[in-house]
Amino acid sequence: MGKYCFAVCDDEKAVRDLLHVWLSDSSYKADIREYVSGEELIKDIDAGIKIDVLFLDIAMDGNDGIETARELGCRIEHNGKSMRASRPLIIYVTGIPDRMGDAFGVKAYGYLLKPVDRFSFDGELHRAIEELKKLDAQLVCETTYEKSEDNFIALQSGKGLINLNLKDVLYIESSGRKAVVHLPDQNYEIYKPMSEFECELGKNYFRIHRGYIVNMKHVKGYSKSEAKIDNGESLIISKYKYADFIKAYLDFIS
């Protein structure tokens, strides 16, 4: 992670000045921005300014901090992301303790009560930075996972050598001495034991029955006896595999 961007949005100049000084004195490399209103902040966000940690006043003229956070949430959720796990992390700075319940309703990361003391401020900033590090690490893992989805496997079938993208495989079915690889638009018969597929396919595939290995990506639901695939088919789950399948599936979607 390079330089952070911290922002203070408060209509009290004395508060903005104080927090700016404390942010400048922190050990974190950061650009520091100040806003006197939620409207001004949203305008910069819409212009592409990326803010990591936002110290946001609740009681402001115009859009207050709660309304501003809702505006930010709409933009984040529009992009298919979770506000709680997205930048900026919002730390409310308020002199109205009774409104803290409203703050958590818009997924605030933390809060500071005015008059703010330096010890509490430094603690919240440190906690936010540690959370950002976790989010960055998670992003690296997700990016690696997305890249790893584009893995190909070469298989010999009656139609010759085929090169399949593993993410396109719906499931593999045992059929006597053959295995049938099911894709959305066609199937391939392969002379290969199911046990070898299990070893090669990795953790995103699970053998729910001696006759089926499913791609977790294409499982859209399940019952105690069946896994529902996104092409509309239902596959039998062995009662001996059910508990392990549930654990593997929950790990996959978490």
C-alpha atoms as a PDB file:
ATOM      1  CA  MET A   1       0.000   0.000   0.000  1.00  0.00           C
ATOM      2  CA  GLY A   2       1.384   3.440  -0.927  1.00  0.00           C
ATOM      3  CA  LYS A   3       0.324   6.742   0.544  1.00  0.00           C
ATOM      4  CA  TYR A   4      -3.054   6.809   2.263  1.00  0.00           C
ATOM      5  CA  CYS A   5      -5.669   9.496   1.855  1.00  0.00           C
ATOM      6  CA  PHE A   6      -7.322  10.735   5.036  1.00  0.00           C
ATOM      7  CA  ALA A   7     -10.234  13.168   5.031  1.00  0.00           C
ATOM      8  CA  VAL A   8     -12.019  15.304   7.611  1.00  0.00           C
ATOM      9  CA  CYS A   9     -15.561  16.447   6.879  1.00  0.00           C
ATOM     10  CA  ASP A  10     -16.799  18.876   9.525  1.00  0.00           C
ATOM     11  CA  ASP A  11     -18.380  22.339   9.322  1.00  0.00           C
ATOM     12  CA  GLU A  12     -16.406  23.503  12.391  1.00  0.00           C
ATOM     13  CA  LYS A  13     -13.082  24.949  11.322  1.00  0.00           C
ATOM     14  CA  ALA A  14     -11.550  24.432  14.757  1.00  0.00           C
ATOM     15  CA  VAL A  15     -12.268  20.695  14.554  1.00  0.00           C
ATOM     16  CA  ARG A  16     -10.922  20.419  11.004  1.00  0.00           C
ATOM     17  CA  ASP A  17      -7.739  22.241  11.988  1.00  0.00           C
ATOM     18  CA  LEU A  18      -7.180  20.073  15.071  1.00  0.00           C
ATOM     19  CA  LEU A  19      -7.701  16.759  13.282  1.00  0.00           C
ATOM     20  CA  HIS A  20      -5.539  17.925  10.382  1.00  0.00           C
ATOM     21  CA  VAL A  21      -2.665  18.588  12.789  1.00  0.00           C
ATOM     22  CA  TRP A  22      -3.061  15.187  14.457  1.00  0.00           C
ATOM     23  CA  LEU A  23      -3.223  13.410  11.094  1.00  0.00           C
ATOM     24  CA  SER A  24      -0.117  15.268   9.922  1.00  0.00           C
ATOM     25  CA  ASP A  25       1.702  14.210  13.088  1.00  0.00           C
ATOM     26  CA  SER A  26       0.788  10.533  12.670  1.00  0.00           C
ATOM     27  CA  SER A  27       3.326   7.992  11.494  1.00  0.00           C
ATOM     28  CA  TYR A  28       1.297   7.149   8.387  1.00  0.00           C
ATOM     29  CA  LYS A  29       2.175   8.596   4.999  1.00  0.00           C
ATOM     30  CA  ALA A  30      -0.990  10.265   3.825  1.00  0.00           C
ATOM     31  CA  ASP A  31      -2.616  13.015   1.809  1.00  0.00           C
ATOM     32  CA  ILE A  32      -5.059  14.934   3.970  1.00  0.00           C
ATOM     33  CA  ARG A  33      -8.243  16.512   2.651  1.00  0.00           C
ATOM     34  CA  GLU A  34     -10.735  18.778   4.377  1.00  0.00           C
ATOM     35  CA  TYR A  35     -14.411  19.306   3.592  1.00  0.00           C
ATOM     36  CA  VAL A  36     -16.880  21.729   5.121  1.00  0.00           C
ATOM     37  CA  SER A  37     -19.965  19.830   3.920  1.00  0.00           C
ATOM     38  CA  GLY A  38     -21.174  16.418   2.844  1.00  0.00           C
ATOM     39  CA  GLU A  39     -22.068  17.814  -0.577  1.00  0.00           C
ATOM     40  CA  GLU A  40     -18.474  18.922  -1.140  1.00  0.00           C
ATOM     41  CA  LEU A  41     -17.195  15.493  -0.081  1.00  0.00           C
ATOM     42  CA  ILE A  42     -19.601  13.611  -2.365  1.00  0.00           C
ATOM     43  CA  LYS A  43     -18.606  15.830  -5.283  1.00  0.00           C
ATOM     44  CA  ASP A  44     -14.962  14.810  -4.869  1.00  0.00           C
ATOM     45  CA  ILE A  45     -15.893  11.126  -4.454  1.00  0.00           C
ATOM     46  CA  ASP A  46     -17.875  11.293  -7.700  1.00  0.00           C
ATOM     47  CA  ALA A  47     -14.874  12.915  -9.371  1.00  0.00           C
ATOM     48  CA  GLY A  48     -12.778   9.848  -8.520  1.00  0.00           C
ATOM     49  CA  ILE A  49     -11.006  10.917  -5.323  1.00  0.00           C
ATOM     50  CA  LYS A  50     -10.156   7.789  -3.321  1.00  0.00           C
ATOM     51  CA  ILE A  51     -10.341   8.268   0.447  1.00  0.00           C
ATOM     52  CA  ASP A  52      -9.160   5.563   2.834  1.00  0.00           C
ATOM     53  CA  VAL A  53     -10.279   6.905   6.227  1.00  0.00           C
ATOM     54  CA  LEU A  54     -12.972   9.546   6.660  1.00  0.00           C
ATOM     55  CA  PHE A  55     -13.561  11.454   9.892  1.00  0.00           C
ATOM     56  CA  LEU A  56     -17.151  12.586   9.464  1.00  0.00           C
ATOM     57  CA  ASP A  57     -19.204  14.935  11.626  1.00  0.00           C
ATOM     58  CA  ILE A  58     -22.820  13.914  12.174  1.00  0.00           C
ATOM     59  CA  ALA A  59     -24.405  17.345  12.788  1.00  0.00           C
ATOM     60  CA  MET A  60     -23.677  19.573   9.772  1.00  0.00           C
ATOM     61  CA  ASP A  61     -25.678  22.071   7.789  1.00  0.00           C
ATOM     62  CA  GLY A  62     -27.157  20.701   4.572  1.00  0.00           C
ATOM     63  CA  ASN A  63     -26.643  16.945   4.339  1.00  0.00           C
ATOM     64  CA  ASP A  64     -25.621  15.763   7.784  1.00  0.00           C
ATOM     65  CA  GLY A  65     -23.123  12.951   8.347  1.00  0.00           C
ATOM     66  CA  ILE A  66     -25.762  10.222   8.312  1.00  0.00           C
ATOM     67  CA  GLU A  67     -27.232  11.395   4.996  1.00  0.00           C
ATOM     68  CA  THR A  68     -23.729  11.755   3.551  1.00  0.00           C
ATOM     69  CA  ALA A  69     -22.860   8.194   4.585  1.00  0.00           C
ATOM     70  CA  ARG A  70     -26.048   6.933   2.940  1.00  0.00           C
ATOM     71  CA  GLU A  71     -25.034   8.711  -0.270  1.00  0.00           C
ATOM     72  CA  LEU A  72     -21.634   7.028  -0.120  1.00  0.00           C
ATOM     73  CA  GLY A  73     -23.307   3.685   0.563  1.00  0.00           C
ATOM     74  CA  CYS A  74     -25.505   3.989  -2.513  1.00  0.00           C
ATOM     75  CA  ARG A  75     -22.455   4.549  -4.690  1.00  0.00           C
ATOM     76  CA  ILE A  76     -20.530   1.655  -3.163  1.00  0.00           C
ATOM     77  CA  GLU A  77     -23.433  -0.801  -3.375  1.00  0.00           C
ATOM     78  CA  HIS A  78     -24.104   0.288  -6.962  1.00  0.00           C
ATOM     79  CA  ASN A  79     -20.649  -1.097  -7.749  1.00  0.00           C
ATOM     80  CA  GLY A  80     -21.598  -4.431  -6.170  1.00  0.00           C
ATOM     81  CA  LYS A  81     -19.487  -3.977  -3.038  1.00  0.00           C
ATOM     82  CA  SER A  82     -20.120  -4.069   0.690  1.00  0.00           C
ATOM     83  CA  MET A  83     -19.986  -0.683   2.385  1.00  0.00           C
ATOM     84  CA  ARG A  84     -18.544  -2.156   5.566  1.00  0.00           C
ATOM     85  CA  ALA A  85     -15.674  -3.697   3.598  1.00  0.00           C
ATOM     86  CA  SER A  86     -15.056  -0.742   1.263  1.00  0.00           C
ATOM     87  CA  ARG A  87     -13.225   2.551   1.412  1.00  0.00           C
ATOM     88  CA  PRO A  88     -13.587   4.986   2.981  1.00  0.00           C
ATOM     89  CA  LEU A  89     -13.762   3.605   6.499  1.00  0.00           C
ATOM     90  CA  ILE A  90     -16.017   6.090   8.271  1.00  0.00           C
ATOM     91  CA  ILE A  91     -15.213   7.250  11.784  1.00  0.00           C
ATOM     92  CA  TYR A  92     -17.871   9.592  13.138  1.00  0.00           C
ATOM     93  CA  VAL A  93     -16.798  12.610  15.157  1.00  0.00           C
ATOM     94  CA  THR A  94     -19.780  13.942  17.057  1.00  0.00           C
ATOM     95  CA  GLY A  95     -20.881  15.822  20.121  1.00  0.00           C
ATOM     96  CA  ILE A  96     -24.272  14.099  20.112  1.00  0.00           C
ATOM     97  CA  PRO A  97     -23.999  10.663  21.792  1.00  0.00           C
ATOM     98  CA  ASP A  98     -27.704   9.981  21.219  1.00  0.00           C
ATOM     99  CA  ARG A  99     -27.154   9.782  17.460  1.00  0.00           C
ATOM    100  CA  MET A 100     -24.536   7.055  17.567  1.00  0.00           C
ATOM    101  CA  GLY A 101     -27.232   4.458  16.900  1.00  0.00           C
ATOM    102  CA  ASP A 102     -27.921   6.177  13.566  1.00  0.00           C
ATOM    103  CA  ALA A 103     -24.217   5.973  12.753  1.00  0.00           C
ATOM    104  CA  PHE A 104     -24.106   2.202  13.053  1.00  0.00           C
ATOM    105  CA  GLY A 105     -27.211   1.990  10.875  1.00  0.00           C
ATOM    106  CA  VAL A 106     -25.047   3.190   7.959  1.00  0.00           C
ATOM    107  CA  LYS A 107     -22.161   0.821   8.751  1.00  0.00           C
ATOM    108  CA  ALA A 108     -19.804   3.265  10.430  1.00  0.00           C
ATOM    109  CA  TYR A 109     -16.419   1.804  11.297  1.00  0.00           C
ATOM    110  CA  GLY A 110     -16.030   3.725  14.543  1.00  0.00           C
ATOM    111  CA  TYR A 111     -16.792   6.942  16.377  1.00  0.00           C
ATOM    112  CA  LEU A 112     -15.214   9.655  18.503  1.00  0.00           C
ATOM    113  CA  LEU A 113     -17.082  11.907  20.916  1.00  0.00           C
ATOM    114  CA  LYS A 114     -16.343  15.633  20.995  1.00  0.00           C
ATOM    115  CA  PRO A 115     -14.311  17.077  22.542  1.00  0.00           C
ATOM    116  CA  VAL A 116     -11.947  14.538  21.006  1.00  0.00           C
ATOM    117  CA  ASP A 117      -8.825  13.614  22.947  1.00  0.00           C
ATOM    118  CA  ARG A 118      -5.580  12.678  21.209  1.00  0.00           C
ATOM    119  CA  PHE A 119      -5.327   9.214  22.780  1.00  0.00           C
ATOM    120  CA  SER A 120      -8.770   8.130  21.510  1.00  0.00           C
ATOM    121  CA  PHE A 121      -8.093   9.669  18.094  1.00  0.00           C
ATOM    122  CA  ASP A 122      -4.779   7.846  17.657  1.00  0.00           C
ATOM    123  CA  GLY A 123      -6.402   4.578  18.761  1.00  0.00           C
ATOM    124  CA  GLU A 124      -9.230   4.833  16.195  1.00  0.00           C
ATOM    125  CA  LEU A 125      -6.823   5.813  13.419  1.00  0.00           C
ATOM    126  CA  HIS A 126      -4.523   2.880  14.209  1.00  0.00           C
ATOM    127  CA  ARG A 127      -7.491   0.483  14.296  1.00  0.00           C
ATOM    128  CA  ALA A 128      -8.668   1.770  10.910  1.00  0.00           C
ATOM    129  CA  ILE A 129      -5.233   1.346   9.345  1.00  0.00           C
ATOM    130  CA  GLU A 130      -5.036  -2.238  10.587  1.00  0.00           C
ATOM    131  CA  GLU A 131      -8.449  -2.880   9.019  1.00  0.00           C
ATOM    132  CA  LEU A 132      -7.260  -1.398   5.721  1.00  0.00           C
ATOM    133  CA  LYS A 133      -4.293  -3.766   5.754  1.00  0.00           C
ATOM    134  CA  LYS A 134      -6.692  -6.692   6.147  1.00  0.00           C
ATOM    135  CA  LEU A 135      -8.853  -5.423   3.304  1.00  0.00           C
ATOM    136  CA  ASP A 136      -5.799  -5.027   1.075  1.00  0.00           C
ATOM    137  CA  ALA A 137      -4.646  -8.563   1.888  1.00  0.00           C
ATOM    138  CA  GLN A 138      -8.130  -9.866   1.123  1.00  0.00           C
ATOM    139  CA  LEU A 139      -8.105  -8.020  -2.195  1.00  0.00           C
ATOM    140  CA  VAL A 140      -4.801  -9.679  -3.125  1.00  0.00           C
ATOM    141  CA  CYS A 141      -6.281 -13.094  -2.299  1.00  0.00           C
ATOM    142  CA  GLU A 142      -9.417 -12.391  -4.318  1.00  0.00           C
ATOM    143  CA  THR A 143      -7.374 -11.157  -7.277  1.00  0.00           C
ATOM    144  CA  THR A 144      -5.200 -14.268  -7.107  1.00  0.00           C
ATOM    145  CA  TYR A 145      -8.304 -16.435  -6.905  1.00  0.00           C
ATOM    146  CA  GLU A 146      -9.869 -14.722  -9.913  1.00  0.00           C
ATOM    147  CA  LYS A 147      -6.710 -15.301 -11.904  1.00  0.00           C
ATOM    148  CA  SER A 148      -6.500 -18.903 -10.755  1.00  0.00           C
ATOM    149  CA  GLU A 149     -10.005 -19.494 -12.096  1.00  0.00           C
ATOM    150  CA  ASP A 150      -8.593 -19.201 -15.580  1.00  0.00           C
ATOM    151  CA  ASN A 151      -6.794 -22.537 -15.271  1.00  0.00           C
ATOM    152  CA  PHE A 152      -6.983 -24.982 -18.118  1.00  0.00           C
ATOM    153  CA  ILE A 153      -6.799 -28.735 -18.115  1.00  0.00           C
ATOM    154  CA  ALA A 154      -5.855 -30.836 -21.143  1.00  0.00           C
ATOM    155  CA  LEU A 155      -7.908 -34.029 -21.515  1.00  0.00           C
ATOM    156  CA  GLN A 156      -7.865 -36.827 -24.056  1.00  0.00           C
ATOM    157  CA  SER A 157     -11.307 -37.742 -25.323  1.00  0.00           C
ATOM    158  CA  GLY A 158     -12.691 -39.642 -28.273  1.00  0.00           C
ATOM    159  CA  LYS A 159     -12.735 -36.322 -30.098  1.00  0.00           C
ATOM    160  CA  GLY A 160      -9.014 -35.821 -29.557  1.00  0.00           C
ATOM    161  CA  LEU A 161      -7.141 -33.601 -27.141  1.00  0.00           C
ATOM    162  CA  ILE A 162      -9.326 -30.904 -25.606  1.00  0.00           C
ATOM    163  CA  ASN A 163      -8.270 -27.936 -23.526  1.00  0.00           C
ATOM    164  CA  LEU A 164     -10.931 -26.975 -20.970  1.00  0.00           C
ATOM    165  CA  ASN A 165     -11.164 -23.925 -18.748  1.00  0.00           C
ATOM    166  CA  LEU A 166     -11.834 -25.380 -15.300  1.00  0.00           C
ATOM    167  CA  LYS A 167     -14.258 -22.630 -14.320  1.00  0.00           C
ATOM    168  CA  ASP A 168     -16.562 -23.740 -17.157  1.00  0.00           C
ATOM    169  CA  VAL A 169     -16.867 -27.313 -15.853  1.00  0.00           C
ATOM    170  CA  LEU A 170     -20.267 -27.802 -14.183  1.00  0.00           C
ATOM    171  CA  TYR A 171     -19.619 -31.269 -12.807  1.00  0.00           C
ATOM    172  CA  ILE A 172     -17.956 -34.566 -13.618  1.00  0.00           C
ATOM    173  CA  GLU A 173     -19.940 -37.788 -13.665  1.00  0.00           C
ATOM    174  CA  SER A 174     -18.648 -41.324 -13.292  1.00  0.00           C
ATOM    175  CA  SER A 175     -19.863 -43.616 -16.058  1.00  0.00           C
ATOM    176  CA  GLY A 176     -18.317 -47.067 -15.841  1.00  0.00           C
ATOM    177  CA  ARG A 177     -14.681 -46.812 -16.886  1.00  0.00           C
ATOM    178  CA  LYS A 178     -15.293 -43.336 -18.242  1.00  0.00           C
ATOM    179  CA  ALA A 179     -15.872 -39.935 -16.721  1.00  0.00           C
ATOM    180  CA  VAL A 180     -18.243 -37.492 -18.360  1.00  0.00           C
ATOM    181  CA  VAL A 181     -17.199 -33.857 -18.081  1.00  0.00           C
ATOM    182  CA  HIS A 182     -20.306 -31.677 -18.197  1.00  0.00           C
ATOM    183  CA  LEU A 183     -20.060 -28.150 -19.588  1.00  0.00           C
ATOM    184  CA  PRO A 184     -22.942 -25.715 -20.184  1.00  0.00           C
ATOM    185  CA  ASP A 185     -23.128 -26.443 -23.904  1.00  0.00           C
ATOM    186  CA  GLN A 186     -21.594 -29.907 -24.356  1.00  0.00           C
ATOM    187  CA  ASN A 187     -20.170 -32.995 -22.628  1.00  0.00           C
ATOM    188  CA  TYR A 188     -16.928 -34.916 -23.073  1.00  0.00           C
ATOM    189  CA  GLU A 189     -16.287 -38.578 -22.291  1.00  0.00           C
ATOM    190  CA  ILE A 190     -12.842 -39.123 -20.786  1.00  0.00           C
ATOM    191  CA  TYR A 191     -11.019 -42.338 -19.863  1.00  0.00           C
ATOM    192  CA  LYS A 192      -9.813 -41.187 -16.461  1.00  0.00           C
ATOM    193  CA  PRO A 193     -10.572 -42.288 -12.878  1.00  0.00           C
ATOM    194  CA  MET A 194     -12.602 -39.931 -10.707  1.00  0.00           C
ATOM    195  CA  SER A 195      -9.884 -40.124  -8.048  1.00  0.00           C
ATOM    196  CA  GLU A 196      -7.425 -38.489 -10.457  1.00  0.00           C
ATOM    197  CA  PHE A 197      -9.879 -35.676 -11.147  1.00  0.00           C
ATOM    198  CA  GLU A 198     -10.226 -35.133  -7.396  1.00  0.00           C
ATOM    199  CA  CYS A 199      -6.470 -34.678  -7.035  1.00  0.00           C
ATOM    200  CA  GLU A 200      -6.131 -32.362 -10.021  1.00  0.00           C
ATOM    201  CA  LEU A 201      -9.147 -30.077  -9.677  1.00  0.00           C
ATOM    202  CA  GLY A 202      -8.420 -28.512  -6.287  1.00  0.00           C
ATOM    203  CA  LYS A 203     -10.534 -27.239  -3.415  1.00  0.00           C
ATOM    204  CA  ASN A 204     -13.188 -25.520  -5.538  1.00  0.00           C
ATOM    205  CA  TYR A 205     -14.464 -28.941  -6.589  1.00  0.00           C
ATOM    206  CA  PHE A 206     -16.057 -31.439  -4.259  1.00  0.00           C
ATOM    207  CA  ARG A 207     -16.989 -35.096  -4.638  1.00  0.00           C
ATOM    208  CA  ILE A 208     -20.545 -35.192  -3.321  1.00  0.00           C
ATOM    209  CA  HIS A 209     -21.099 -38.823  -4.304  1.00  0.00           C
ATOM    210  CA  ARG A 210     -18.970 -41.581  -5.753  1.00  0.00           C
ATOM    211  CA  GLY A 211     -20.594 -40.715  -9.050  1.00  0.00           C
ATOM    212  CA  TYR A 212     -20.254 -36.898  -9.007  1.00  0.00           C
ATOM    213  CA  ILE A 213     -17.678 -34.168  -8.539  1.00  0.00           C
ATOM    214  CA  VAL A 214     -19.225 -30.688  -8.587  1.00  0.00           C
ATOM    215  CA  ASN A 215     -17.752 -27.288  -9.296  1.00  0.00           C
ATOM    216  CA  MET A 216     -18.728 -25.178  -6.262  1.00  0.00           C
ATOM    217  CA  LYS A 217     -19.011 -22.133  -8.492  1.00  0.00           C
ATOM    218  CA  HIS A 218     -21.999 -23.673 -10.239  1.00  0.00           C
ATOM    219  CA  VAL A 219     -23.825 -24.913  -7.124  1.00  0.00           C
ATOM    220  CA  LYS A 220     -26.870 -22.691  -6.626  1.00  0.00           C
ATOM    221  CA  GLY A 221     -28.479 -24.508  -3.737  1.00  0.00           C
ATOM    222  CA  TYR A 222     -28.761 -27.824  -1.969  1.00  0.00           C
ATOM    223  CA  SER A 223     -30.908 -30.021   0.214  1.00  0.00           C
ATOM    224  CA  LYS A 224     -29.904 -32.992   2.360  1.00  0.00           C
ATOM    225  CA  SER A 225     -30.057 -35.235  -0.668  1.00  0.00           C
ATOM    226  CA  GLU A 226     -29.311 -33.066  -3.705  1.00  0.00           C
ATOM    227  CA  ALA A 227     -27.074 -30.313  -5.010  1.00  0.00           C
ATOM    228  CA  LYS A 228     -28.741 -27.965  -7.473  1.00  0.00           C
ATOM    229  CA  ILE A 229     -26.552 -26.904 -10.400  1.00  0.00           C
ATOM    230  CA  ASP A 230     -27.073 -23.598 -12.198  1.00  0.00           C
ATOM    231  CA  ASN A 231     -27.998 -25.365 -15.447  1.00  0.00           C
ATOM    232  CA  GLY A 232     -31.126 -26.691 -13.730  1.00  0.00           C
ATOM    233  CA  GLU A 233     -29.882 -30.202 -12.944  1.00  0.00           C
ATOM    234  CA  SER A 234     -29.919 -31.805  -9.490  1.00  0.00           C
ATOM    235  CA  LEU A 235     -27.227 -34.259  -8.388  1.00  0.00           C
ATOM    236  CA  ILE A 236     -27.398 -36.781  -5.563  1.00  0.00           C
ATOM    237  CA  ILE A 237     -25.400 -36.017  -2.409  1.00  0.00           C
ATOM    238  CA  SER A 238     -24.252 -39.070  -0.476  1.00  0.00           C
ATOM    239  CA  LYS A 239     -25.406 -39.003   3.139  1.00  0.00           C
ATOM    240  CA  TYR A 240     -21.817 -39.783   4.081  1.00  0.00           C
ATOM    241  CA  LYS A 241     -20.589 -36.705   2.194  1.00  0.00           C
ATOM    242  CA  TYR A 242     -23.268 -34.242   3.266  1.00  0.00           C
ATOM    243  CA  ALA A 243     -21.585 -32.770   6.361  1.00  0.00           C
ATOM    244  CA  ASP A 244     -18.233 -32.324   4.615  1.00  0.00           C
ATOM    245  CA  PHE A 245     -19.960 -30.840   1.572  1.00  0.00           C
ATOM    246  CA  ILE A 246     -21.751 -28.207   3.698  1.00  0.00           C
ATOM    247  CA  LYS A 247     -18.465 -27.211   5.318  1.00  0.00           C
ATOM    248  CA  ALA A 248     -16.672 -27.025   1.956  1.00  0.00           C
ATOM    249  CA  TYR A 249     -19.500 -25.056   0.370  1.00  0.00           C
ATOM    250  CA  LEU A 250     -19.657 -22.525   3.204  1.00  0.00           C
ATOM    251  CA  ASP A 251     -15.890 -22.102   3.022  1.00  0.00           C
ATOM    252  CA  PHE A 252     -16.186 -21.505  -0.713  1.00  0.00           C
ATOM    253  CA  ILE A 253     -18.853 -18.795  -0.489  1.00  0.00           C
ATOM    254  CA  SER A 254     -17.425 -17.040   2.575  1.00  0.00           C
END
